[in-house]
PDB file of all heavy atoms in Angstrom:
ATOM      1  N   ALA A   1      82.177 112.761  69.872  1.00  0.00           N
ATOM      2  CA  ALA A   1      82.400 113.326  71.207  1.00  0.00           C
ATOM      3  C   ALA A   1      83.084 112.316  72.119  1.00  0.00           C
ATOM      4  O   ALA A   1      83.989 112.664  72.901  1.00  0.00           O
ATOM      5  CB  ALA A   1      81.071 113.772  71.809  1.00  0.00           C
ATOM      6  N   THR A   2      82.682 111.053  72.008  1.00  0.00           N
ATOM      7  CA  THR A   2      83.286 110.007  72.842  1.00  0.00           C
ATOM      8  C   THR A   2      84.722 109.733  72.420  1.00  0.00           C
ATOM      9  O   THR A   2      85.627 109.620  73.263  1.00  0.00           O
ATOM     10  CB  THR A   2      82.456 108.718  72.751  1.00  0.00           C
ATOM     11  OG1 THR A   2      81.117 108.989  73.163  1.00  0.00           O
ATOM     12  CG2 THR A   2      83.039 107.627  73.630  1.00  0.00           C
ATOM     13  N   LEU A   3      84.932 109.633  71.099  1.00  0.00           N
ATOM     14  CA  LEU A   3      86.292 109.397  70.617  1.00  0.00           C
ATOM     15  C   LEU A   3      87.195 110.570  70.968  1.00  0.00           C
ATOM     16  O   LEU A   3      88.360 110.371  71.371  1.00  0.00           O
ATOM     17  CB  LEU A   3      86.281 109.170  69.104  1.00  0.00           C
ATOM     18  CG  LEU A   3      87.627 108.783  68.474  1.00  0.00           C
ATOM     19  CD1 LEU A   3      88.200 107.526  69.111  1.00  0.00           C
ATOM     20  CD2 LEU A   3      87.480 108.601  66.970  1.00  0.00           C
ATOM     21  N   ASP A   4      86.694 111.795  70.865  1.00  0.00           N
ATOM     22  CA  ASP A   4      87.490 112.973  71.231  1.00  0.00           C
ATOM     23  C   ASP A   4      87.891 112.930  72.705  1.00  0.00           C
ATOM     24  O   ASP A   4      89.022 113.286  73.068  1.00  0.00           O
ATOM     25  CB  ASP A   4      86.704 114.257  70.954  1.00  0.00           C
ATOM     26  CG  ASP A   4      86.589 114.567  69.462  1.00  0.00           C
ATOM     27  OD1 ASP A   4      87.319 113.929  68.673  1.00  0.00           O
ATOM     28  OD2 ASP A   4      85.767 115.427  69.099  1.00  0.00           O
ATOM     29  N   ALA A   5      86.975 112.497  73.561  1.00  0.00           N
ATOM     30  CA  ALA A   5      87.285 112.413  74.992  1.00  0.00           C
ATOM     31  C   ALA A   5      88.366 111.372  75.248  1.00  0.00           C
ATOM     32  O   ALA A   5      89.275 111.591  76.064  1.00  0.00           O
ATOM     33  CB  ALA A   5      86.020 112.087  75.776  1.00  0.00           C
ATOM     34  N   TRP A   6      88.268 110.260  74.552  1.00  0.00           N
ATOM     35  CA  TRP A   6      89.308 109.236  74.677  1.00  0.00           C
ATOM     36  C   TRP A   6      90.656 109.746  74.154  1.00  0.00           C
ATOM     37  O   TRP A   6      91.690 109.551  74.801  1.00  0.00           O
ATOM     38  CB  TRP A   6      88.900 107.977  73.904  1.00  0.00           C
ATOM     39  CG  TRP A   6      88.179 106.960  74.725  1.00  0.00           C
ATOM     40  CD1 TRP A   6      86.859 106.629  74.661  1.00  0.00           C
ATOM     41  CD2 TRP A   6      88.740 106.121  75.739  1.00  0.00           C
ATOM     42  NE1 TRP A   6      86.559 105.638  75.560  1.00  0.00           N
ATOM     43  CE2 TRP A   6      87.698 105.295  76.239  1.00  0.00           C
ATOM     44  CE3 TRP A   6      90.015 105.973  76.267  1.00  0.00           C
ATOM     45  CZ2 TRP A   6      87.899 104.356  77.239  1.00  0.00           C
ATOM     46  CZ3 TRP A   6      90.227 105.029  77.272  1.00  0.00           C
ATOM     47  CH2 TRP A   6      89.182 104.237  77.753  1.00  0.00           C
ATOM     48  N   ARG A   7      90.651 110.387  73.014  1.00  0.00           N
ATOM     49  CA  ARG A   7      91.903 110.885  72.445  1.00  0.00           C
ATOM     50  C   ARG A   7      92.523 111.958  73.351  1.00  0.00           C
ATOM     51  O   ARG A   7      93.751 112.050  73.478  1.00  0.00           O
ATOM     52  CB  ARG A   7      91.656 111.436  71.039  1.00  0.00           C
ATOM     53  CG  ARG A   7      91.257 110.362  70.032  1.00  0.00           C
ATOM     54  CD  ARG A   7      92.447 109.454  69.707  1.00  0.00           C
ATOM     55  NE  ARG A   7      92.058 108.183  69.133  1.00  0.00           N
ATOM     56  CZ  ARG A   7      91.864 107.960  67.825  1.00  0.00           C
ATOM     57  NH1 ARG A   7      91.994 108.947  66.958  1.00  0.00           N
ATOM     58  NH2 ARG A   7      91.530 106.757  67.402  1.00  0.00           N
ATOM     59  N   ALA A   8      91.678 112.758  73.999  1.00  0.00           N
ATOM     60  CA  ALA A   8      92.194 113.759  74.943  1.00  0.00           C
ATOM     61  C   ALA A   8      92.871 113.082  76.124  1.00  0.00           C
ATOM     62  O   ALA A   8      93.907 113.551  76.627  1.00  0.00           O
ATOM     63  CB  ALA A   8      91.053 114.655  75.424  1.00  0.00           C
ATOM     64  N   ALA A   9      92.296 111.970  76.553  1.00  0.00           N
ATOM     65  CA  ALA A   9      92.913 111.214  77.648  1.00  0.00           C
ATOM     66  C   ALA A   9      94.279 110.684  77.228  1.00  0.00           C
ATOM     67  O   ALA A   9      95.235 110.704  78.013  1.00  0.00           O
ATOM     68  CB  ALA A   9      91.997 110.069  78.057  1.00  0.00           C
ATOM     69  N   GLY A  10      94.374 110.207  75.981  1.00  0.00           N
ATOM     70  CA  GLY A  10      95.666 109.742  75.491  1.00  0.00           C
ATOM     71  C   GLY A  10      96.671 110.868  75.343  1.00  0.00           C
ATOM     72  O   GLY A  10      97.862 110.701  75.631  1.00  0.00           O
ATOM     73  N   ALA A  11      96.187 112.038  74.930  1.00  0.00           N
ATOM     74  CA  ALA A  11      97.090 113.167  74.671  1.00  0.00           C
ATOM     75  C   ALA A  11      97.656 113.778  75.946  1.00  0.00           C
ATOM     76  O   ALA A  11      98.712 114.421  75.915  1.00  0.00           O
ATOM     77  CB  ALA A  11      96.354 114.238  73.869  1.00  0.00           C
ATOM     78  N   ARG A  12      96.983 113.570  77.083  1.00  0.00           N
ATOM     79  CA  ARG A  12      97.464 114.219  78.310  1.00  0.00           C
ATOM     80  C   ARG A  12      98.841 113.713  78.726  1.00  0.00           C
ATOM     81  O   ARG A  12      99.565 114.395  79.450  1.00  0.00           O
ATOM     82  CB  ARG A  12      96.458 113.998  79.448  1.00  0.00           C
ATOM     83  CG  ARG A  12      96.297 112.573  79.883  1.00  0.00           C
ATOM     84  CD  ARG A  12      95.172 112.376  80.898  1.00  0.00           C
ATOM     85  NE  ARG A  12      94.893 110.953  81.097  1.00  0.00           N
ATOM     86  CZ  ARG A  12      95.574 110.178  81.944  1.00  0.00           C
ATOM     87  NH1 ARG A  12      96.555 110.694  82.676  1.00  0.00           N
ATOM     88  NH2 ARG A  12      95.284 108.899  82.055  1.00  0.00           N
ATOM     89  N   GLY A  13      99.231 112.526  78.233  1.00  0.00           N
ATOM     90  CA  GLY A  13     100.535 111.987  78.594  1.00  0.00           C
ATOM     91  C   GLY A  13     101.696 112.759  78.019  1.00  0.00           C
ATOM     92  O   GLY A  13     102.817 112.692  78.550  1.00  0.00           O
ATOM     93  N   ALA A  14     101.459 113.506  76.945  1.00  0.00           N
ATOM     94  CA  ALA A  14     102.552 114.262  76.327  1.00  0.00           C
ATOM     95  C   ALA A  14     103.124 115.282  77.295  1.00  0.00           C
ATOM     96  O   ALA A  14     104.347 115.518  77.340  1.00  0.00           O
ATOM     97  CB  ALA A  14     102.063 114.945  75.060  1.00  0.00           C
ATOM     98  N   GLN A  15     102.268 115.887  78.087  1.00  0.00           N
ATOM     99  CA  GLN A  15     102.727 116.881  79.058  1.00  0.00           C
ATOM    100  C   GLN A  15     103.573 116.221  80.144  1.00  0.00           C
ATOM    101  O   GLN A  15     104.615 116.752  80.541  1.00  0.00           O
ATOM    102  CB  GLN A  15     101.523 117.595  79.691  1.00  0.00           C
ATOM    103  CG  GLN A  15     101.901 118.721  80.638  1.00  0.00           C
ATOM    104  CD  GLN A  15     100.680 119.474  81.161  1.00  0.00           C
ATOM    105  OE1 GLN A  15      99.560 119.246  80.704  1.00  0.00           O
ATOM    106  NE2 GLN A  15     100.896 120.358  82.108  1.00  0.00           N
ATOM    107  N   ALA A  16     103.132 115.058  80.611  1.00  0.00           N
ATOM    108  CA  ALA A  16     103.902 114.345  81.631  1.00  0.00           C
ATOM    109  C   ALA A  16     105.249 113.905  81.081  1.00  0.00           C
ATOM    110  O   ALA A  16     106.277 113.975  81.781  1.00  0.00           O
ATOM    111  CB  ALA A  16     103.106 113.139  82.121  1.00  0.00           C
ATOM    112  N   ARG A  17     105.252 113.460  79.827  1.00  0.00           N
ATOM    113  CA  ARG A  17     106.531 113.040  79.236  1.00  0.00           C
ATOM    114  C   ARG A  17     107.457 114.234  79.060  1.00  0.00           C
ATOM    115  O   ARG A  17     108.672 114.127  79.270  1.00  0.00           O
ATOM    116  CB  ARG A  17     106.294 112.353  77.894  1.00  0.00           C
ATOM    117  CG  ARG A  17     107.592 111.838  77.253  1.00  0.00           C
ATOM    118  CD  ARG A  17     107.315 110.999  76.029  1.00  0.00           C
ATOM    119  NE  ARG A  17     106.608 111.726  75.003  1.00  0.00           N
ATOM    120  CZ  ARG A  17     107.203 112.520  74.088  1.00  0.00           C
ATOM    121  NH1 ARG A  17     108.515 112.696  74.100  1.00  0.00           N
ATOM    122  NH2 ARG A  17     106.480 113.131  73.173  1.00  0.00           N
ATOM    123  N   ALA A  18     106.925 115.402  78.679  1.00  0.00           N
ATOM    124  CA  ALA A  18     107.753 116.598  78.524  1.00  0.00           C
ATOM    125  C   ALA A  18     108.358 117.014  79.867  1.00  0.00           C
ATOM    126  O   ALA A  18     109.535 117.412  79.942  1.00  0.00           O
ATOM    127  CB  ALA A  18     106.921 117.732  77.941  1.00  0.00           C
ATOM    128  N   ALA A  19     107.552 116.904  80.928  1.00  0.00           N
ATOM    129  CA  ALA A  19     108.071 117.236  82.259  1.00  0.00           C
ATOM    130  C   ALA A  19     109.172 116.264  82.650  1.00  0.00           C
ATOM    131  O   ALA A  19     110.202 116.662  83.238  1.00  0.00           O
ATOM    132  CB  ALA A  19     106.936 117.202  83.276  1.00  0.00           C
ATOM    133  N   TRP A  20     108.961 114.995  82.317  1.00  0.00           N
ATOM    134  CA  TRP A  20     109.995 113.993  82.601  1.00  0.00           C
ATOM    135  C   TRP A  20     111.274 114.307  81.828  1.00  0.00           C
ATOM    136  O   TRP A  20     112.387 114.177  82.373  1.00  0.00           O
ATOM    137  CB  TRP A  20     109.487 112.600  82.220  1.00  0.00           C
ATOM    138  CG  TRP A  20     110.524 111.525  82.371  1.00  0.00           C
ATOM    139  CD1 TRP A  20     110.816 110.827  83.504  1.00  0.00           C
ATOM    140  CD2 TRP A  20     111.423 111.046  81.362  1.00  0.00           C
ATOM    141  NE1 TRP A  20     111.836 109.939  83.262  1.00  0.00           N
ATOM    142  CE2 TRP A  20     112.226 110.052  81.952  1.00  0.00           C
ATOM    143  CE3 TRP A  20     111.622 111.356  80.015  1.00  0.00           C
ATOM    144  CZ2 TRP A  20     113.215 109.369  81.243  1.00  0.00           C
ATOM    145  CZ3 TRP A  20     112.601 110.678  79.313  1.00  0.00           C
ATOM    146  CH2 TRP A  20     113.383 109.693  79.925  1.00  0.00           C
ATOM    147  N   ALA A  21     111.130 114.713  80.578  1.00  0.00           N
ATOM    148  CA  ALA A  21     112.305 115.020  79.752  1.00  0.00           C
ATOM    149  C   ALA A  21     113.124 116.150  80.368  1.00  0.00           C
ATOM    150  O   ALA A  21     114.369 116.138  80.314  1.00  0.00           O
ATOM    151  CB  ALA A  21     111.871 115.379  78.336  1.00  0.00           C
ATOM    152  N   GLU A  22     112.457 117.112  80.962  1.00  0.00           N
ATOM    153  CA  GLU A  22     113.175 118.203  81.631  1.00  0.00           C
ATOM    154  C   GLU A  22     113.951 117.679  82.838  1.00  0.00           C
ATOM    155  O   GLU A  22     115.099 118.063  83.073  1.00  0.00           O
ATOM    156  CB  GLU A  22     112.190 119.293  82.070  1.00  0.00           C
ATOM    157  CG  GLU A  22     111.585 120.088  80.924  1.00  0.00           C
ATOM    158  CD  GLU A  22     110.658 121.189  81.429  1.00  0.00           C
ATOM    159  OE1 GLU A  22     110.627 121.412  82.666  1.00  0.00           O
ATOM    160  OE2 GLU A  22     109.969 121.806  80.595  1.00  0.00           O
ATOM    161  N   GLN A  23     113.324 116.800  83.594  1.00  0.00           N
ATOM    162  CA  GLN A  23     114.007 116.218  84.757  1.00  0.00           C
ATOM    163  C   GLN A  23     115.176 115.348  84.321  1.00  0.00           C
ATOM    164  O   GLN A  23     116.242 115.340  84.955  1.00  0.00           O
ATOM    165  CB  GLN A  23     113.001 115.411  85.578  1.00  0.00           C
ATOM    166  CG  GLN A  23     111.931 116.271  86.240  1.00  0.00           C
ATOM    167  CD  GLN A  23     110.814 115.447  86.838  1.00  0.00           C
ATOM    168  OE1 GLN A  23     110.412 114.425  86.288  1.00  0.00           O
ATOM    169  NE2 GLN A  23     110.305 115.883  87.974  1.00  0.00           N
ATOM    170  N   PHE A  24     114.970 114.625  83.240  1.00  0.00           N
ATOM    171  CA  PHE A  24     116.055 113.783  82.731  1.00  0.00           C
ATOM    172  C   PHE A  24     117.223 114.648  82.267  1.00  0.00           C
ATOM    173  O   PHE A  24     118.387 114.321  82.525  1.00  0.00           O
ATOM    174  CB  PHE A  24     115.539 112.924  81.575  1.00  0.00           C
ATOM    175  CG  PHE A  24     116.564 111.985  81.008  1.00  0.00           C
ATOM    176  CD1 PHE A  24     117.014 110.902  81.739  1.00  0.00           C
ATOM    177  CD2 PHE A  24     117.096 112.196  79.739  1.00  0.00           C
ATOM    178  CE1 PHE A  24     117.970 110.032  81.230  1.00  0.00           C
ATOM    179  CE2 PHE A  24     118.042 111.341  79.215  1.00  0.00           C
ATOM    180  CZ  PHE A  24     118.485 110.258  79.967  1.00  0.00           C
ATOM    181  N   ALA A  25     116.922 115.754  81.615  1.00  0.00           N
ATOM    182  CA  ALA A  25     117.977 116.652  81.130  1.00  0.00           C
ATOM    183  C   ALA A  25     118.786 117.251  82.274  1.00  0.00           C
ATOM    184  O   ALA A  25     119.936 117.660  82.071  1.00  0.00           O
ATOM    185  CB  ALA A  25     117.366 117.764  80.276  1.00  0.00           C
ATOM    186  N   ALA A  26     118.189 117.301  83.467  1.00  0.00           N
ATOM    187  CA  ALA A  26     118.880 117.883  84.623  1.00  0.00           C
ATOM    188  C   ALA A  26     119.877 116.912  85.250  1.00  0.00           C
ATOM    189  O   ALA A  26     120.690 117.316  86.091  1.00  0.00           O
ATOM    190  CB  ALA A  26     117.856 118.321  85.669  1.00  0.00           C
ATOM    191  N   LEU A  27     119.831 115.639  84.855  1.00  0.00           N
ATOM    192  CA  LEU A  27     120.801 114.677  85.382  1.00  0.00           C
ATOM    193  C   LEU A  27     122.196 114.991  84.855  1.00  0.00           C
ATOM    194  O   LEU A  27     122.349 115.562  83.764  1.00  0.00           O
ATOM    195  CB  LEU A  27     120.426 113.255  84.959  1.00  0.00           C
ATOM    196  CG  LEU A  27     119.184 112.603  85.560  1.00  0.00           C
ATOM    197  CD1 LEU A  27     119.009 111.215  84.977  1.00  0.00           C
ATOM    198  CD2 LEU A  27     119.282 112.527  87.068  1.00  0.00           C
ATOM    199  N   PRO A  28     123.232 114.610  85.577  1.00  0.00           N
ATOM    200  CA  PRO A  28     124.594 114.750  85.040  1.00  0.00           C
ATOM    201  C   PRO A  28     124.726 114.003  83.722  1.00  0.00           C
ATOM    202  O   PRO A  28     124.060 112.976  83.502  1.00  0.00           O
ATOM    203  CB  PRO A  28     125.464 114.115  86.130  1.00  0.00           C
ATOM    204  CG  PRO A  28     124.643 114.216  87.384  1.00  0.00           C
ATOM    205  CD  PRO A  28     123.222 114.077  86.948  1.00  0.00           C
ATOM    206  N   ALA A  29     125.589 114.481  82.859  1.00  0.00           N
ATOM    207  CA  ALA A  29     125.726 113.917  81.512  1.00  0.00           C
ATOM    208  C   ALA A  29     126.075 112.436  81.541  1.00  0.00           C
ATOM    209  O   ALA A  29     125.573 111.649  80.725  1.00  0.00           O
ATOM    210  CB  ALA A  29     126.782 114.695  80.733  1.00  0.00           C
ATOM    211  N   ASP A  30     126.927 112.034  82.485  1.00  0.00           N
ATOM    212  CA  ASP A  30     127.322 110.632  82.523  1.00  0.00           C
ATOM    213  C   ASP A  30     126.156 109.731  82.920  1.00  0.00           C
ATOM    214  O   ASP A  30     126.011 108.617  82.409  1.00  0.00           O
ATOM    215  CB  ASP A  30     128.514 110.426  83.459  1.00  0.00           C
ATOM    216  CG  ASP A  30     128.217 110.850  84.889  1.00  0.00           C
ATOM    217  OD1 ASP A  30     127.313 111.670  85.098  1.00  0.00           O
ATOM    218  OD2 ASP A  30     128.920 110.376  85.806  1.00  0.00           O
ATOM    219  N   GLN A  31     125.280 110.233  83.797  1.00  0.00           N
ATOM    220  CA  GLN A  31     124.095 109.458  84.174  1.00  0.00           C
ATOM    221  C   GLN A  31     123.117 109.344  83.009  1.00  0.00           C
ATOM    222  O   GLN A  31     122.532 108.280  82.778  1.00  0.00           O
ATOM    223  CB  GLN A  31     123.397 110.096  85.374  1.00  0.00           C
ATOM    224  CG  GLN A  31     123.832 109.530  86.718  1.00  0.00           C
ATOM    225  CD  GLN A  31     122.852 109.897  87.809  1.00  0.00           C
ATOM    226  OE1 GLN A  31     122.655 111.062  88.117  1.00  0.00           O
ATOM    227  NE2 GLN A  31     122.247 108.904  88.415  1.00  0.00           N
ATOM    228  N   ARG A  32     122.928 110.433  82.292  1.00  0.00           N
ATOM    229  CA  ARG A  32     122.041 110.386  81.122  1.00  0.00           C
ATOM    230  C   ARG A  32     122.557 109.388  80.094  1.00  0.00           C
ATOM    231  O   ARG A  32     121.797 108.606  79.527  1.00  0.00           O
ATOM    232  CB  ARG A  32     121.913 111.771  80.485  1.00  0.00           C
ATOM    233  CG  ARG A  32     121.205 112.804  81.329  1.00  0.00           C
ATOM    234  CD  ARG A  32     120.706 113.977  80.488  1.00  0.00           C
ATOM    235  NE  ARG A  32     121.732 114.564  79.652  1.00  0.00           N
ATOM    236  CZ  ARG A  32     122.563 115.536  80.034  1.00  0.00           C
ATOM    237  NH1 ARG A  32     122.492 116.015  81.265  1.00  0.00           N
ATOM    238  NH2 ARG A  32     123.467 116.032  79.204  1.00  0.00           N
ATOM    239  N   SER A  33     123.850 109.425  79.869  1.00  0.00           N
ATOM    240  CA  SER A  33     124.452 108.524  78.892  1.00  0.00           C
ATOM    241  C   SER A  33     124.290 107.061  79.311  1.00  0.00           C
ATOM    242  O   SER A  33     123.953 106.197  78.491  1.00  0.00           O
ATOM    243  CB  SER A  33     125.941 108.866  78.721  1.00  0.00           C
ATOM    244  OG  SER A  33     126.570 107.959  77.861  1.00  0.00           O
ATOM    245  N   GLU A  34     124.513 106.805  80.597  1.00  0.00           N
ATOM    246  CA  GLU A  34     124.382 105.436  81.097  1.00  0.00           C
ATOM    247  C   GLU A  34     122.935 104.961  81.020  1.00  0.00           C
ATOM    248  O   GLU A  34     122.659 103.820  80.617  1.00  0.00           O
ATOM    249  CB  GLU A  34     124.884 105.372  82.542  1.00  0.00           C
ATOM    250  CG  GLU A  34     124.729 104.023  83.224  1.00  0.00           C
ATOM    251  CD  GLU A  34     125.623 102.936  82.666  1.00  0.00           C
ATOM    252  OE1 GLU A  34     126.444 103.219  81.765  1.00  0.00           O
ATOM    253  OE2 GLU A  34     125.502 101.781  83.129  1.00  0.00           O
ATOM    254  N   PHE A  35     121.998 105.814  81.376  1.00  0.00           N
ATOM    255  CA  PHE A  35     120.579 105.487  81.320  1.00  0.00           C
ATOM    256  C   PHE A  35     120.164 105.155  79.882  1.00  0.00           C
ATOM    257  O   PHE A  35     119.525 104.133  79.624  1.00  0.00           O
ATOM    258  CB  PHE A  35     119.780 106.684  81.853  1.00  0.00           C
ATOM    259  CG  PHE A  35     118.299 106.452  81.995  1.00  0.00           C
ATOM    260  CD1 PHE A  35     117.753 106.045  83.202  1.00  0.00           C
ATOM    261  CD2 PHE A  35     117.435 106.661  80.923  1.00  0.00           C
ATOM    262  CE1 PHE A  35     116.383 105.846  83.345  1.00  0.00           C
ATOM    263  CE2 PHE A  35     116.065 106.466  81.049  1.00  0.00           C
ATOM    264  CZ  PHE A  35     115.547 106.054  82.272  1.00  0.00           C
ATOM    265  N   ASP A  36     120.550 105.997  78.954  1.00  0.00           N
ATOM    266  CA  ASP A  36     120.203 105.773  77.542  1.00  0.00           C
ATOM    267  C   ASP A  36     120.828 104.488  77.020  1.00  0.00           C
ATOM    268  O   ASP A  36     120.189 103.717  76.285  1.00  0.00           O
ATOM    269  CB  ASP A  36     120.656 106.955  76.691  1.00  0.00           C
ATOM    270  CG  ASP A  36     119.755 108.169  76.836  1.00  0.00           C
ATOM    271  OD1 ASP A  36     118.603 108.009  77.285  1.00  0.00           O
ATOM    272  OD2 ASP A  36     120.214 109.286  76.507  1.00  0.00           O
ATOM    273  N   ARG A  37     122.077 104.240  77.383  1.00  0.00           N
ATOM    274  CA  ARG A  37     122.759 103.032  76.921  1.00  0.00           C
ATOM    275  C   ARG A  37     122.008 101.791  77.380  1.00  0.00           C
ATOM    276  O   ARG A  37     121.772 100.859  76.603  1.00  0.00           O
ATOM    277  CB  ARG A  37     124.195 102.995  77.464  1.00  0.00           C
ATOM    278  CG  ARG A  37     124.959 101.731  77.061  1.00  0.00           C
ATOM    279  CD  ARG A  37     126.281 101.592  77.783  1.00  0.00           C
ATOM    280  NE  ARG A  37     126.131 101.324  79.209  1.00  0.00           N
ATOM    281  CZ  ARG A  37     125.792 100.138  79.723  1.00  0.00           C
ATOM    282  NH1 ARG A  37     125.533  99.117  78.916  1.00  0.00           N
ATOM    283  NH2 ARG A  37     125.690  99.976  81.020  1.00  0.00           N
ATOM    284  N   ARG A  38     121.626 101.796  78.629  1.00  0.00           N
ATOM    285  CA  ARG A  38     120.951 100.618  79.172  1.00  0.00           C
ATOM    286  C   ARG A  38     119.610 100.369  78.489  1.00  0.00           C
ATOM    287  O   ARG A  38     119.262  99.228  78.190  1.00  0.00           O
ATOM    288  CB  ARG A  38     120.736 100.791  80.675  1.00  0.00           C
ATOM    289  CG  ARG A  38     122.030 100.785  81.457  1.00  0.00           C
ATOM    290  CD  ARG A  38     121.799 100.154  82.795  1.00  0.00           C
ATOM    291  NE  ARG A  38     122.790 100.550  83.763  1.00  0.00           N
ATOM    292  CZ  ARG A  38     122.637 100.396  85.066  1.00  0.00           C
ATOM    293  NH1 ARG A  38     121.508  99.911  85.539  1.00  0.00           N
ATOM    294  NH2 ARG A  38     123.590 100.732  85.898  1.00  0.00           N
ATOM    295  N   PHE A  39     118.853 101.431  78.252  1.00  0.00           N
ATOM    296  CA  PHE A  39     117.547 101.225  77.624  1.00  0.00           C
ATOM    297  C   PHE A  39     117.664 100.938  76.126  1.00  0.00           C
ATOM    298  O   PHE A  39     116.729 100.408  75.529  1.00  0.00           O
ATOM    299  CB  PHE A  39     116.619 102.413  77.904  1.00  0.00           C
ATOM    300  CG  PHE A  39     115.888 102.276  79.209  1.00  0.00           C
ATOM    301  CD1 PHE A  39     116.434 102.768  80.382  1.00  0.00           C
ATOM    302  CD2 PHE A  39     114.674 101.614  79.274  1.00  0.00           C
ATOM    303  CE1 PHE A  39     115.780 102.609  81.598  1.00  0.00           C
ATOM    304  CE2 PHE A  39     114.015 101.450  80.479  1.00  0.00           C
ATOM    305  CZ  PHE A  39     114.565 101.948  81.648  1.00  0.00           C
ATOM    306  N   ARG A  40     118.797 101.265  75.512  1.00  0.00           N
ATOM    307  CA  ARG A  40     119.047 100.810  74.134  1.00  0.00           C
ATOM    308  C   ARG A  40     119.416  99.337  74.114  1.00  0.00           C
ATOM    309  O   ARG A  40     119.301  98.676  73.082  1.00  0.00           O
ATOM    310  CB  ARG A  40     120.184 101.609  73.491  1.00  0.00           C
ATOM    311  CG  ARG A  40     119.854 103.034  73.106  1.00  0.00           C
ATOM    312  CD  ARG A  40     120.924 103.599  72.162  1.00  0.00           C
ATOM    313  NE  ARG A  40     122.277 103.435  72.662  1.00  0.00           N
ATOM    314  CZ  ARG A  40     122.923 104.298  73.432  1.00  0.00           C
ATOM    315  NH1 ARG A  40     122.318 105.413  73.818  1.00  0.00           N
ATOM    316  NH2 ARG A  40     124.162 104.065  73.837  1.00  0.00           N
ATOM    317  N   GLY A  41     119.913  98.832  75.240  1.00  0.00           N
ATOM    318  CA  GLY A  41     120.355  97.446  75.304  1.00  0.00           C
ATOM    319  C   GLY A  41     121.783  97.248  74.866  1.00  0.00           C
ATOM    320  O   GLY A  41     122.224  96.107  74.678  1.00  0.00           O
ATOM    321  N   ASP A  42     122.532  98.341  74.707  1.00  0.00           N
ATOM    322  CA  ASP A  42     123.934  98.236  74.314  1.00  0.00           C
ATOM    323  C   ASP A  42     124.794  97.895  75.528  1.00  0.00           C
ATOM    324  O   ASP A  42     124.425  98.191  76.672  1.00  0.00           O
ATOM    325  CB  ASP A  42     124.422  99.556  73.709  1.00  0.00           C
ATOM    326  CG  ASP A  42     123.690  99.915  72.432  1.00  0.00           C
ATOM    327  OD1 ASP A  42     123.124  99.001  71.804  1.00  0.00           O
ATOM    328  OD2 ASP A  42     123.685 101.107  72.061  1.00  0.00           O
ATOM    329  N   LEU A  43     125.947  97.307  75.270  1.00  0.00           N
ATOM    330  CA  LEU A  43     126.870  96.967  76.345  1.00  0.00           C
ATOM    331  C   LEU A  43     127.908  98.076  76.521  1.00  0.00           C
ATOM    332  O   LEU A  43     128.165  98.848  75.598  1.00  0.00           O
ATOM    333  CB  LEU A  43     127.548  95.637  76.049  1.00  0.00           C
ATOM    334  CG  LEU A  43     126.581  94.442  76.026  1.00  0.00           C
ATOM    335  CD1 LEU A  43     127.279  93.187  75.540  1.00  0.00           C
ATOM    336  CD2 LEU A  43     125.968  94.203  77.401  1.00  0.00           C
ATOM    337  N   PRO A  44     128.530  98.167  77.705  1.00  0.00           N
ATOM    338  CA  PRO A  44     129.451  99.272  77.978  1.00  0.00           C
ATOM    339  C   PRO A  44     130.717  99.210  77.125  1.00  0.00           C
ATOM    340  O   PRO A  44     131.147  98.136  76.682  1.00  0.00           O
ATOM    341  CB  PRO A  44     129.804  99.093  79.459  1.00  0.00           C
ATOM    342  CG  PRO A  44     128.812  98.128  80.001  1.00  0.00           C
ATOM    343  CD  PRO A  44     128.364  97.288  78.862  1.00  0.00           C
ATOM    344  N   GLU A  45     131.310 100.364  76.933  1.00  0.00           N
ATOM    345  CA  GLU A  45     132.629 100.409  76.302  1.00  0.00           C
ATOM    346  C   GLU A  45     133.614  99.654  77.185  1.00  0.00           C
ATOM    347  O   GLU A  45     133.553  99.709  78.401  1.00  0.00           O
ATOM    348  CB  GLU A  45     133.093 101.870  76.141  1.00  0.00           C
ATOM    349  CG  GLU A  45     132.410 102.624  75.033  1.00  0.00           C
ATOM    350  CD  GLU A  45     133.024 104.000  74.834  1.00  0.00           C
ATOM    351  OE1 GLU A  45     134.235 104.140  75.087  1.00  0.00           O
ATOM    352  OE2 GLU A  45     132.284 104.924  74.460  1.00  0.00           O
TER     353      GLU A  45
END
């Protein structure tokens, strides 16, 4: 019961991440591309 409660606490983040993904998808394509590039650590073309 205790482990299940802890795992439920960990699982609640999936919903927040899904909501974030929707907001991220709403950004203009060039902004999404730039954001992803930076977090990959790649340098610009």
